[in-house]
Amino acid sequence: MKKKLSIGSWPTSSIRKAHQRFPPGRAYAGRPWYDGVELGAFGVHPTPVSHPTRADRQRLKKEVADHGLEFSGIAVDLWSFKKPGPSIMDENPTPYVLHSWVHVFGADLGIKTIRVDAVEPPDFFATSKMDPKVGQARIIDVWSKCSKMAATMG
């Protein structure tokens, strides 16, 4: 199996002019070492909000393919789920779980890999008042629910 090389879409957003649309494929066209783009589904990048229908997503997928690229993965804006605000560490992490519905969006783009981040710093349990066993159980529960949701889309 040939290994493929892709780059995240978010590093390119700082070098693209504000009026340029996604995809960054134009920037990578003619650079044979890139096979794909990992989509940062946040900010100025395509999201389920900016591409609400399957037809919108199919056009986006085609536009990327027209540049000789494919989507290699998707990074969801899980960083917005960090204290202060809703967190994966909450007793009821509904916003975090609901945000994982992006798997439908990703599936329509042919994306089979979702980047998952806990978002909290490595020393979270040392600096918070949360019992590490409780926190770890919450993370496992949330990721279990999210992975089962994603599994329904392959």
C-alpha atoms as a PDB file:
ATOM      1  CA  MET A   1       0.000   0.000   0.000  1.00  0.00           C
ATOM      2  CA  LYS A   2       1.390   3.392  -1.018  1.00  0.00           C
ATOM      3  CA  LYS A   3       1.758   5.847   1.841  1.00  0.00           C
ATOM      4  CA  LYS A   4       0.246   9.230   1.191  1.00  0.00           C
ATOM      5  CA  LEU A   5       1.188  12.682   2.425  1.00  0.00           C
ATOM      6  CA  SER A   6      -1.316  15.346   3.287  1.00  0.00           C
ATOM      7  CA  ILE A   7      -1.280  18.693   5.033  1.00  0.00           C
ATOM      8  CA  GLY A   8      -3.826  20.353   7.300  1.00  0.00           C
ATOM      9  CA  SER A   9      -5.974  23.051   5.760  1.00  0.00           C
ATOM     10  CA  TRP A  10      -5.541  25.355   8.757  1.00  0.00           C
ATOM     11  CA  PRO A  11      -1.845  26.225   8.195  1.00  0.00           C
ATOM     12  CA  THR A  12      -2.742  27.553   4.770  1.00  0.00           C
ATOM     13  CA  SER A  13      -5.469  29.880   6.049  1.00  0.00           C
ATOM     14  CA  SER A  14      -2.852  32.315   7.313  1.00  0.00           C
ATOM     15  CA  ILE A  15      -1.170  32.556   3.897  1.00  0.00           C
ATOM     16  CA  ARG A  16      -4.325  32.781   1.805  1.00  0.00           C
ATOM     17  CA  LYS A  17      -5.928  36.132   1.211  1.00  0.00           C
ATOM     18  CA  ALA A  18      -9.264  36.613   2.938  1.00  0.00           C
ATOM     19  CA  HIS A  19     -11.141  36.706  -0.385  1.00  0.00           C
ATOM     20  CA  GLN A  20      -9.829  33.314  -1.512  1.00  0.00           C
ATOM     21  CA  ARG A  21     -12.154  30.398  -0.987  1.00  0.00           C
ATOM     22  CA  PHE A  22     -11.326  26.942   0.168  1.00  0.00           C
ATOM     23  CA  PRO A  23      -9.912  24.562  -0.937  1.00  0.00           C
ATOM     24  CA  PRO A  24      -6.222  25.221  -0.654  1.00  0.00           C
ATOM     25  CA  GLY A  25      -5.823  22.807  -3.564  1.00  0.00           C
ATOM     26  CA  ARG A  26      -4.771  25.659  -5.796  1.00  0.00           C
ATOM     27  CA  ALA A  27      -1.826  26.251  -3.466  1.00  0.00           C
ATOM     28  CA  TYR A  28      -0.845  22.569  -3.608  1.00  0.00           C
ATOM     29  CA  ALA A  29      -1.493  21.946  -7.295  1.00  0.00           C
ATOM     30  CA  GLY A  30       1.777  21.205  -9.035  1.00  0.00           C
ATOM     31  CA  ARG A  31       3.391  20.005  -5.806  1.00  0.00           C
ATOM     32  CA  PRO A  32       3.431  16.260  -6.359  1.00  0.00           C
ATOM     33  CA  TRP A  33       4.413  15.416  -2.802  1.00  0.00           C
ATOM     34  CA  TYR A  34       0.931  16.260  -1.473  1.00  0.00           C
ATOM     35  CA  ASP A  35      -1.789  13.673  -1.948  1.00  0.00           C
ATOM     36  CA  GLY A  36      -4.402  15.185   0.302  1.00  0.00           C
ATOM     37  CA  VAL A  37      -5.676  17.734   2.751  1.00  0.00           C
ATOM     38  CA  GLU A  38      -6.775  17.165   6.332  1.00  0.00           C
ATOM     39  CA  LEU A  39      -9.780  19.433   6.643  1.00  0.00           C
ATOM     40  CA  GLY A  40      -9.936  21.753   9.621  1.00  0.00           C
ATOM     41  CA  ALA A  41     -13.730  21.976   9.884  1.00  0.00           C
ATOM     42  CA  PHE A  42     -13.745  25.269  11.775  1.00  0.00           C
ATOM     43  CA  GLY A  43     -13.329  28.991  11.201  1.00  0.00           C
ATOM     44  CA  VAL A  44     -13.012  29.942   7.516  1.00  0.00           C
ATOM     45  CA  HIS A  45     -12.839  26.312   6.417  1.00  0.00           C
ATOM     46  CA  PRO A  46     -15.764  24.260   5.136  1.00  0.00           C
ATOM     47  CA  THR A  47     -18.082  23.070   7.887  1.00  0.00           C
ATOM     48  CA  PRO A  48     -21.501  21.429   8.086  1.00  0.00           C
ATOM     49  CA  VAL A  49     -22.892  24.966   8.425  1.00  0.00           C
ATOM     50  CA  SER A  50     -21.200  26.328   5.283  1.00  0.00           C
ATOM     51  CA  HIS A  51     -21.976  23.129   3.328  1.00  0.00           C
ATOM     52  CA  PRO A  52     -25.331  22.025   4.744  1.00  0.00           C
ATOM     53  CA  THR A  53     -26.492  19.685   1.981  1.00  0.00           C
ATOM     54  CA  ARG A  54     -25.044  16.519   0.513  1.00  0.00           C
ATOM     55  CA  ALA A  55     -24.925  18.272  -2.878  1.00  0.00           C
ATOM     56  CA  ASP A  56     -22.830  21.098  -1.363  1.00  0.00           C
ATOM     57  CA  ARG A  57     -20.424  18.546   0.058  1.00  0.00           C
ATOM     58  CA  GLN A  58     -20.186  16.602  -3.212  1.00  0.00           C
ATOM     59  CA  ARG A  59     -19.251  19.822  -5.046  1.00  0.00           C
ATOM     60  CA  LEU A  60     -16.563  20.492  -2.429  1.00  0.00           C
ATOM     61  CA  LYS A  61     -15.190  16.960  -2.752  1.00  0.00           C
ATOM     62  CA  LYS A  62     -15.078  17.325  -6.547  1.00  0.00           C
ATOM     63  CA  GLU A  63     -13.336  20.697  -6.306  1.00  0.00           C
ATOM     64  CA  VAL A  64     -10.596  19.160  -4.161  1.00  0.00           C
ATOM     65  CA  ALA A  65     -10.348  16.135  -6.502  1.00  0.00           C
ATOM     66  CA  ASP A  66     -10.062  18.472  -9.491  1.00  0.00           C
ATOM     67  CA  HIS A  67      -6.757  19.609  -7.963  1.00  0.00           C
ATOM     68  CA  GLY A  68      -5.542  16.020  -7.768  1.00  0.00           C
ATOM     69  CA  LEU A  69      -6.139  15.812  -4.019  1.00  0.00           C
ATOM     70  CA  GLU A  70      -8.433  14.017  -1.605  1.00  0.00           C
ATOM     71  CA  PHE A  71      -9.437  14.597   1.980  1.00  0.00           C
ATOM     72  CA  SER A  72      -7.314  12.514   4.342  1.00  0.00           C
ATOM     73  CA  GLY A  73      -9.044  13.375   7.584  1.00  0.00           C
ATOM     74  CA  ILE A  74     -11.057  15.955   9.453  1.00  0.00           C
ATOM     75  CA  ALA A  75     -10.206  18.006  12.518  1.00  0.00           C
ATOM     76  CA  VAL A  76     -13.289  19.229  14.336  1.00  0.00           C
ATOM     77  CA  ASP A  77     -13.324  22.389  16.448  1.00  0.00           C
ATOM     78  CA  LEU A  78     -13.144  20.576  19.768  1.00  0.00           C
ATOM     79  CA  TRP A  79     -10.996  23.385  21.173  1.00  0.00           C
ATOM     80  CA  SER A  80     -14.162  25.419  21.683  1.00  0.00           C
ATOM     81  CA  PHE A  81     -15.159  22.790  24.272  1.00  0.00           C
ATOM     82  CA  LYS A  82     -12.673  23.788  26.940  1.00  0.00           C
ATOM     83  CA  LYS A  83     -13.160  25.536  30.261  1.00  0.00           C
ATOM     84  CA  PRO A  84     -14.540  28.098  30.627  1.00  0.00           C
ATOM     85  CA  GLY A  85     -17.509  26.746  28.747  1.00  0.00           C
ATOM     86  CA  PRO A  86     -18.730  23.248  27.922  1.00  0.00           C
ATOM     87  CA  SER A  87     -16.083  20.580  28.328  1.00  0.00           C
ATOM     88  CA  ILE A  88     -15.492  16.891  27.751  1.00  0.00           C
ATOM     89  CA  MET A  89     -14.982  16.789  31.524  1.00  0.00           C
ATOM     90  CA  ASP A  90     -18.539  17.913  32.314  1.00  0.00           C
ATOM     91  CA  GLU A  91     -20.919  15.483  33.967  1.00  0.00           C
ATOM     92  CA  ASN A  92     -23.142  15.919  30.906  1.00  0.00           C
ATOM     93  CA  PRO A  93     -20.839  16.666  27.910  1.00  0.00           C
ATOM     94  CA  THR A  94     -23.723  16.991  25.438  1.00  0.00           C
ATOM     95  CA  PRO A  95     -22.204  19.862  23.383  1.00  0.00           C
ATOM     96  CA  TYR A  96     -19.011  17.871  22.822  1.00  0.00           C
ATOM     97  CA  VAL A  97     -20.921  14.741  21.845  1.00  0.00           C
ATOM     98  CA  LEU A  98     -23.306  16.624  19.560  1.00  0.00           C
ATOM     99  CA  HIS A  99     -20.385  18.306  17.825  1.00  0.00           C
ATOM    100  CA  SER A 100     -19.215  14.892  16.698  1.00  0.00           C
ATOM    101  CA  TRP A 101     -22.173  14.800  14.267  1.00  0.00           C
ATOM    102  CA  VAL A 102     -19.593  16.153  11.844  1.00  0.00           C
ATOM    103  CA  HIS A 103     -19.033  12.484  10.945  1.00  0.00           C
ATOM    104  CA  VAL A 104     -21.986  12.797   8.536  1.00  0.00           C
ATOM    105  CA  PHE A 105     -20.312  15.805   6.921  1.00  0.00           C
ATOM    106  CA  GLY A 106     -16.992  13.946   6.735  1.00  0.00           C
ATOM    107  CA  ALA A 107     -18.553  10.789   5.317  1.00  0.00           C
ATOM    108  CA  ASP A 108     -20.066  12.790   2.460  1.00  0.00           C
ATOM    109  CA  LEU A 109     -16.560  14.104   1.702  1.00  0.00           C
ATOM    110  CA  GLY A 110     -15.113  10.574   1.712  1.00  0.00           C
ATOM    111  CA  ILE A 111     -13.298  11.181   5.002  1.00  0.00           C
ATOM    112  CA  LYS A 112     -12.749   8.089   7.117  1.00  0.00           C
ATOM    113  CA  THR A 113     -10.510   9.580   9.815  1.00  0.00           C
ATOM    114  CA  ILE A 114     -11.573  12.026  12.514  1.00  0.00           C
ATOM    115  CA  ARG A 115      -8.930  13.797  14.562  1.00  0.00           C
ATOM    116  CA  VAL A 116      -9.919  13.661  18.232  1.00  0.00           C
ATOM    117  CA  ASP A 117      -8.423  15.827  20.958  1.00  0.00           C
ATOM    118  CA  ALA A 118      -9.185  15.805  24.666  1.00  0.00           C
ATOM    119  CA  VAL A 119      -8.367  19.538  24.531  1.00  0.00           C
ATOM    120  CA  GLU A 120      -7.484  19.690  28.218  1.00  0.00           C
ATOM    121  CA  PRO A 121      -3.790  20.082  29.149  1.00  0.00           C
ATOM    122  CA  PRO A 122      -1.788  16.999  30.200  1.00  0.00           C
ATOM    123  CA  ASP A 123      -1.700  18.243  33.805  1.00  0.00           C
ATOM    124  CA  PHE A 124      -5.481  18.736  34.001  1.00  0.00           C
ATOM    125  CA  PHE A 125      -5.981  16.321  36.890  1.00  0.00           C
ATOM    126  CA  ALA A 126      -3.052  17.739  38.846  1.00  0.00           C
ATOM    127  CA  THR A 127      -4.335  21.300  38.491  1.00  0.00           C
ATOM    128  CA  SER A 128      -8.078  20.663  38.800  1.00  0.00           C
ATOM    129  CA  LYS A 129     -10.152  19.417  41.692  1.00  0.00           C
ATOM    130  CA  MET A 130     -11.548  16.534  39.657  1.00  0.00           C
ATOM    131  CA  ASP A 131     -10.896  12.972  40.716  1.00  0.00           C
ATOM    132  CA  PRO A 132      -8.747  11.470  37.922  1.00  0.00           C
ATOM    133  CA  LYS A 133     -10.800   8.254  37.916  1.00  0.00           C
ATOM    134  CA  VAL A 134     -14.008  10.263  37.365  1.00  0.00           C
ATOM    135  CA  GLY A 135     -12.418  12.332  34.594  1.00  0.00           C
ATOM    136  CA  GLN A 136     -10.931   9.346  32.821  1.00  0.00           C
ATOM    137  CA  ALA A 137     -14.278   7.528  32.973  1.00  0.00           C
ATOM    138  CA  ARG A 138     -15.966  10.584  31.430  1.00  0.00           C
ATOM    139  CA  ILE A 139     -13.454  10.758  28.576  1.00  0.00           C
ATOM    140  CA  ILE A 140     -13.858   7.043  27.859  1.00  0.00           C
ATOM    141  CA  ASP A 141     -17.651   7.354  27.929  1.00  0.00           C
ATOM    142  CA  VAL A 142     -17.706  10.379  25.605  1.00  0.00           C
ATOM    143  CA  TRP A 143     -15.262   8.919  23.089  1.00  0.00           C
ATOM    144  CA  SER A 144     -17.134   5.620  23.173  1.00  0.00           C
ATOM    145  CA  LYS A 145     -20.402   7.389  22.303  1.00  0.00           C
ATOM    146  CA  CYS A 146     -18.766   9.480  19.591  1.00  0.00           C
ATOM    147  CA  SER A 147     -16.997   6.515  18.009  1.00  0.00           C
ATOM    148  CA  LYS A 148     -20.240   4.542  17.909  1.00  0.00           C
ATOM    149  CA  MET A 149     -21.941   7.471  16.179  1.00  0.00           C
ATOM    150  CA  ALA A 150     -19.098   7.711  13.662  1.00  0.00           C
ATOM    151  CA  ALA A 151     -19.138   3.954  13.093  1.00  0.00           C
ATOM    152  CA  THR A 152     -22.648   4.226  11.704  1.00  0.00           C
ATOM    153  CA  MET A 153     -21.110   6.207   8.827  1.00  0.00           C
ATOM    154  CA  GLY A 154     -18.192   3.824   8.299  1.00  0.00           C
END
